[in-house]
Amino acid sequence: MALLPRWHYMTDQSKALVKRTAVSLLVLLIAAILLRGLLPWVLLAVIVWFVWSWLSRR
């Protein structure tokens, strides 16, 4: 049985829980996609900062 026909019989609290879960999963998916793209740049920035601080001490 599909989920959509059951939606009509769900309580308002159950509908709210399903909606919050769906939005949370969407936000996590978008964050994962963004972090996956930005991770190399963040690592590069950390490495550059480490090298810069190491060279400025010498």
PDB file of N, CA and C in Angstrom:
ATOM      1  N   MET A   1       0.849  -1.179   0.000  1.00  0.00           N
ATOM      2  CA  MET A   1       0.000   0.000   0.000  1.00  0.00           C
ATOM      3  C   MET A   1       0.896   1.244   0.000  1.00  0.00           C
ATOM      4  N   ALA A   2       0.543   2.205  -0.760  1.00  0.00           N
ATOM      5  CA  ALA A   2       1.351   3.412  -0.895  1.00  0.00           C
ATOM      6  C   ALA A   2       1.194   4.306   0.338  1.00  0.00           C
ATOM      7  N   LEU A   3       2.155   5.192   0.521  1.00  0.00           N
ATOM      8  CA  LEU A   3       2.133   6.100   1.658  1.00  0.00           C
ATOM      9  C   LEU A   3       1.073   7.187   1.487  1.00  0.00           C
ATOM     10  N   LEU A   4       0.890   7.674   0.284  1.00  0.00           N
ATOM     11  CA  LEU A   4      -0.015   8.800   0.071  1.00  0.00           C
ATOM     12  C   LEU A   4      -1.461   8.514   0.470  1.00  0.00           C
ATOM     13  N   PRO A   5      -2.042   7.355   0.176  1.00  0.00           N
ATOM     14  CA  PRO A   5      -3.406   7.132   0.654  1.00  0.00           C
ATOM     15  C   PRO A   5      -3.505   7.131   2.177  1.00  0.00           C
ATOM     16  N   ARG A   6      -2.451   6.729   2.860  1.00  0.00           N
ATOM     17  CA  ARG A   6      -2.456   6.723   4.320  1.00  0.00           C
ATOM     18  C   ARG A   6      -2.356   8.132   4.891  1.00  0.00           C
ATOM     19  N   TRP A   7      -1.846   9.064   4.120  1.00  0.00           N
ATOM     20  CA  TRP A   7      -1.670  10.434   4.578  1.00  0.00           C
ATOM     21  C   TRP A   7      -3.005  11.013   5.046  1.00  0.00           C
ATOM     22  N   HIS A   8      -4.062  10.633   4.379  1.00  0.00           N
ATOM     23  CA  HIS A   8      -5.399  11.129   4.707  1.00  0.00           C
ATOM     24  C   HIS A   8      -5.814  10.698   6.114  1.00  0.00           C
ATOM     25  N   TYR A   9      -5.358   9.555   6.568  1.00  0.00           N
ATOM     26  CA  TYR A   9      -5.772   9.012   7.858  1.00  0.00           C
ATOM     27  C   TYR A   9      -4.792   9.312   8.988  1.00  0.00           C
ATOM     28  N   MET A  10      -3.681   9.950   8.667  1.00  0.00           N
ATOM     29  CA  MET A  10      -2.673  10.243   9.688  1.00  0.00           C
ATOM     30  C   MET A  10      -3.122  11.415  10.557  1.00  0.00           C
ATOM     31  N   THR A  11      -2.664  11.401  11.799  1.00  0.00           N
ATOM     32  CA  THR A  11      -2.957  12.526  12.686  1.00  0.00           C
ATOM     33  C   THR A  11      -2.081  13.713  12.290  1.00  0.00           C
ATOM     34  N   ASP A  12      -2.453  14.882  12.808  1.00  0.00           N
ATOM     35  CA  ASP A  12      -1.673  16.082  12.497  1.00  0.00           C
ATOM     36  C   ASP A  12      -0.254  15.982  13.051  1.00  0.00           C
ATOM     37  N   GLN A  13      -0.102  15.350  14.200  1.00  0.00           N
ATOM     38  CA  GLN A  13       1.233  15.179  14.775  1.00  0.00           C
ATOM     39  C   GLN A  13       2.085  14.264  13.903  1.00  0.00           C
ATOM     40  N   SER A  14       1.486  13.214  13.379  1.00  0.00           N
ATOM     41  CA  SER A  14       2.232  12.302  12.506  1.00  0.00           C
ATOM     42  C   SER A  14       2.635  12.992  11.217  1.00  0.00           C
ATOM     43  N   LYS A  15       1.728  13.793  10.671  1.00  0.00           N
ATOM     44  CA  LYS A  15       2.055  14.532   9.447  1.00  0.00           C
ATOM     45  C   LYS A  15       3.191  15.512   9.702  1.00  0.00           C
ATOM     46  N   ALA A  16       3.157  16.190  10.850  1.00  0.00           N
ATOM     47  CA  ALA A  16       4.218  17.141  11.177  1.00  0.00           C
ATOM     48  C   ALA A  16       5.556  16.429  11.335  1.00  0.00           C
ATOM     49  N   LEU A  17       5.535  15.251  11.959  1.00  0.00           N
ATOM     50  CA  LEU A  17       6.767  14.475  12.129  1.00  0.00           C
ATOM     51  C   LEU A  17       7.343  14.052  10.783  1.00  0.00           C
ATOM     52  N   VAL A  18       6.496  13.612   9.881  1.00  0.00           N
ATOM     53  CA  VAL A  18       6.960  13.212   8.545  1.00  0.00           C
ATOM     54  C   VAL A  18       7.535  14.409   7.803  1.00  0.00           C
ATOM     55  N   LYS A  19       6.878  15.551   7.900  1.00  0.00           N
ATOM     56  CA  LYS A  19       7.367  16.751   7.213  1.00  0.00           C
ATOM     57  C   LYS A  19       8.708  17.198   7.789  1.00  0.00           C
ATOM     58  N   ARG A  20       8.836  17.194   9.132  1.00  0.00           N
ATOM     59  CA  ARG A  20      10.111  17.593   9.753  1.00  0.00           C
ATOM     60  C   ARG A  20      11.231  16.648   9.365  1.00  0.00           C
ATOM     61  N   THR A  21      10.933  15.366   9.319  1.00  0.00           N
ATOM     62  CA  THR A  21      11.947  14.384   8.932  1.00  0.00           C
ATOM     63  C   THR A  21      12.385  14.599   7.492  1.00  0.00           C
ATOM     64  N   ALA A  22      11.436  14.855   6.614  1.00  0.00           N
ATOM     65  CA  ALA A  22      11.765  15.075   5.206  1.00  0.00           C
ATOM     66  C   ALA A  22      12.622  16.332   5.038  1.00  0.00           C
ATOM     67  N   VAL A  23      12.268  17.397   5.736  1.00  0.00           N
ATOM     68  CA  VAL A  23      13.046  18.637   5.637  1.00  0.00           C
ATOM     69  C   VAL A  23      14.444  18.428   6.206  1.00  0.00           C
ATOM     70  N   SER A  24      14.550  17.703   7.317  1.00  0.00           N
ATOM     71  CA  SER A  24      15.863  17.435   7.909  1.00  0.00           C
ATOM     72  C   SER A  24      16.742  16.630   6.960  1.00  0.00           C
ATOM     73  N   LEU A  25      16.173  15.625   6.332  1.00  0.00           N
ATOM     74  CA  LEU A  25      16.943  14.827   5.376  1.00  0.00           C
ATOM     75  C   LEU A  25      17.384  15.665   4.182  1.00  0.00           C
ATOM     76  N   LEU A  26      16.523  16.556   3.720  1.00  0.00           N
ATOM     77  CA  LEU A  26      16.876  17.427   2.599  1.00  0.00           C
ATOM     78  C   LEU A  26      18.017  18.361   2.981  1.00  0.00           C
ATOM     79  N   VAL A  27      17.955  18.929   4.184  1.00  0.00           N
ATOM     80  CA  VAL A  27      19.021  19.826   4.649  1.00  0.00           C
ATOM     81  C   VAL A  27      20.339  19.059   4.789  1.00  0.00           C
ATOM     82  N   LEU A  28      20.280  17.853   5.330  1.00  0.00           N
ATOM     83  CA  LEU A  28      21.490  17.039   5.449  1.00  0.00           C
ATOM     84  C   LEU A  28      22.076  16.689   4.088  1.00  0.00           C
ATOM     85  N   LEU A  29      21.231  16.388   3.134  1.00  0.00           N
ATOM     86  CA  LEU A  29      21.705  16.080   1.788  1.00  0.00           C
ATOM     87  C   LEU A  29      22.386  17.286   1.156  1.00  0.00           C
ATOM     88  N   ILE A  30      21.781  18.449   1.278  1.00  0.00           N
ATOM     89  CA  ILE A  30      22.375  19.669   0.717  1.00  0.00           C
ATOM     90  C   ILE A  30      23.698  19.981   1.417  1.00  0.00           C
ATOM     91  N   ALA A  31      23.733  19.831   2.742  1.00  0.00           N
ATOM     92  CA  ALA A  31      24.971  20.091   3.483  1.00  0.00           C
ATOM     93  C   ALA A  31      26.070  19.118   3.064  1.00  0.00           C
ATOM     94  N   ALA A  32      25.710  17.858   2.859  1.00  0.00           N
ATOM     95  CA  ALA A  32      26.712  16.869   2.445  1.00  0.00           C
ATOM     96  C   ALA A  32      27.266  17.204   1.069  1.00  0.00           C
ATOM     97  N   ILE A  33      26.406  17.638   0.172  1.00  0.00           N
ATOM     98  CA  ILE A  33      26.854  17.998  -1.176  1.00  0.00           C
ATOM     99  C   ILE A  33      27.775  19.221  -1.117  1.00  0.00           C
ATOM    100  N   LEU A  34      27.396  20.218  -0.318  1.00  0.00           N
ATOM    101  CA  LEU A  34      28.230  21.411  -0.201  1.00  0.00           C
ATOM    102  C   LEU A  34      29.564  21.104   0.463  1.00  0.00           C
ATOM    103  N   LEU A  35      29.533  20.322   1.532  1.00  0.00           N
ATOM    104  CA  LEU A  35      30.784  19.993   2.215  1.00  0.00           C
ATOM    105  C   LEU A  35      31.696  19.153   1.342  1.00  0.00           C
ATOM    106  N   ARG A  36      31.117  18.289   0.565  1.00  0.00           N
ATOM    107  CA  ARG A  36      31.931  17.472  -0.330  1.00  0.00           C
ATOM    108  C   ARG A  36      32.658  18.350  -1.344  1.00  0.00           C
ATOM    109  N   GLY A  37      32.003  19.390  -1.809  1.00  0.00           N
ATOM    110  CA  GLY A  37      32.643  20.297  -2.763  1.00  0.00           C
ATOM    111  C   GLY A  37      33.629  21.249  -2.120  1.00  0.00           C
ATOM    112  N   LEU A  38      33.364  21.629  -0.872  1.00  0.00           N
ATOM    113  CA  LEU A  38      34.220  22.607  -0.205  1.00  0.00           C
ATOM    114  C   LEU A  38      35.355  21.991   0.589  1.00  0.00           C
ATOM    115  N   LEU A  39      35.299  20.716   0.865  1.00  0.00           N
ATOM    116  CA  LEU A  39      36.308  20.076   1.703  1.00  0.00           C
ATOM    117  C   LEU A  39      37.735  20.249   1.180  1.00  0.00           C
ATOM    118  N   PRO A  40      38.000  20.070  -0.110  1.00  0.00           N
ATOM    119  CA  PRO A  40      39.384  20.293  -0.578  1.00  0.00           C
ATOM    120  C   PRO A  40      39.861  21.720  -0.356  1.00  0.00           C
ATOM    121  N   TRP A  41      38.976  22.703  -0.496  1.00  0.00           N
ATOM    122  CA  TRP A  41      39.375  24.098  -0.284  1.00  0.00           C
ATOM    123  C   TRP A  41      39.636  24.373   1.184  1.00  0.00           C
ATOM    124  N   VAL A  42      38.851  23.780   2.057  1.00  0.00           N
ATOM    125  CA  VAL A  42      39.069  23.952   3.496  1.00  0.00           C
ATOM    126  C   VAL A  42      40.394  23.320   3.896  1.00  0.00           C
ATOM    127  N   LEU A  43      40.669  22.122   3.401  1.00  0.00           N
ATOM    128  CA  LEU A  43      41.944  21.473   3.697  1.00  0.00           C
ATOM    129  C   LEU A  43      43.117  22.289   3.172  1.00  0.00           C
ATOM    130  N   LEU A  44      42.988  22.833   1.990  1.00  0.00           N
ATOM    131  CA  LEU A  44      44.041  23.670   1.428  1.00  0.00           C
ATOM    132  C   LEU A  44      44.254  24.918   2.283  1.00  0.00           C
ATOM    133  N   ALA A  45      43.182  25.536   2.737  1.00  0.00           N
ATOM    134  CA  ALA A  45      43.304  26.731   3.583  1.00  0.00           C
ATOM    135  C   ALA A  45      43.986  26.392   4.906  1.00  0.00           C
ATOM    136  N   VAL A  46      43.666  25.249   5.488  1.00  0.00           N
ATOM    137  CA  VAL A  46      44.306  24.843   6.749  1.00  0.00           C
ATOM    138  C   VAL A  46      45.787  24.590   6.536  1.00  0.00           C
ATOM    139  N   ILE A  47      46.144  23.944   5.444  1.00  0.00           N
ATOM    140  CA  ILE A  47      47.552  23.676   5.144  1.00  0.00           C
ATOM    141  C   ILE A  47      48.307  24.982   4.916  1.00  0.00           C
ATOM    142  N   VAL A  48      47.715  25.905   4.159  1.00  0.00           N
ATOM    143  CA  VAL A  48      48.362  27.195   3.901  1.00  0.00           C
ATOM    144  C   VAL A  48      48.542  27.964   5.210  1.00  0.00           C
ATOM    145  N   TRP A  49      47.520  27.948   6.074  1.00  0.00           N
ATOM    146  CA  TRP A  49      47.636  28.625   7.355  1.00  0.00           C
ATOM    147  C   TRP A  49      48.740  28.019   8.212  1.00  0.00           C
ATOM    148  N   PHE A  50      48.830  26.680   8.220  1.00  0.00           N
ATOM    149  CA  PHE A  50      49.873  26.008   9.002  1.00  0.00           C
ATOM    150  C   PHE A  50      51.261  26.377   8.487  1.00  0.00           C
ATOM    151  N   VAL A  51      51.438  26.347   7.181  1.00  0.00           N
ATOM    152  CA  VAL A  51      52.736  26.692   6.591  1.00  0.00           C
ATOM    153  C   VAL A  51      53.062  28.161   6.870  1.00  0.00           C
ATOM    154  N   TRP A  52      52.083  29.039   6.745  1.00  0.00           N
ATOM    155  CA  TRP A  52      52.285  30.467   7.000  1.00  0.00           C
ATOM    156  C   TRP A  52      52.712  30.703   8.447  1.00  0.00           C
ATOM    157  N   SER A  53      52.023  30.047   9.385  1.00  0.00           N
ATOM    158  CA  SER A  53      52.384  30.244  10.795  1.00  0.00           C
ATOM    159  C   SER A  53      53.752  29.632  11.101  1.00  0.00           C
ATOM    160  N   TRP A  54      54.084  28.541  10.470  1.00  0.00           N
ATOM    161  CA  TRP A  54      55.383  27.916  10.680  1.00  0.00           C
ATOM    162  C   TRP A  54      56.493  28.787  10.126  1.00  0.00           C
ATOM    163  N   LEU A  55      56.276  29.388   8.944  1.00  0.00           N
ATOM    164  CA  LEU A  55      57.295  30.252   8.357  1.00  0.00           C
ATOM    165  C   LEU A  55      57.429  31.575   9.117  1.00  0.00           C
ATOM    166  N   SER A  56      56.352  32.068   9.685  1.00  0.00           N
ATOM    167  CA  SER A  56      56.443  33.347  10.410  1.00  0.00           C
ATOM    168  C   SER A  56      57.164  33.189  11.746  1.00  0.00           C
ATOM    169  N   ARG A  57      57.227  31.987  12.300  1.00  0.00           N
ATOM    170  CA  ARG A  57      57.974  31.762  13.533  1.00  0.00           C
ATOM    171  C   ARG A  57      59.465  31.735  13.305  1.00  0.00           C
ATOM    172  N   ARG A  58      59.872  31.339  12.121  1.00  0.00           N
ATOM    173  CA  ARG A  58      61.305  31.216  11.833  1.00  0.00           C
ATOM    174  C   ARG A  58      61.886  32.544  11.641  1.00  0.00           C
TER     175      ARG A  58
END
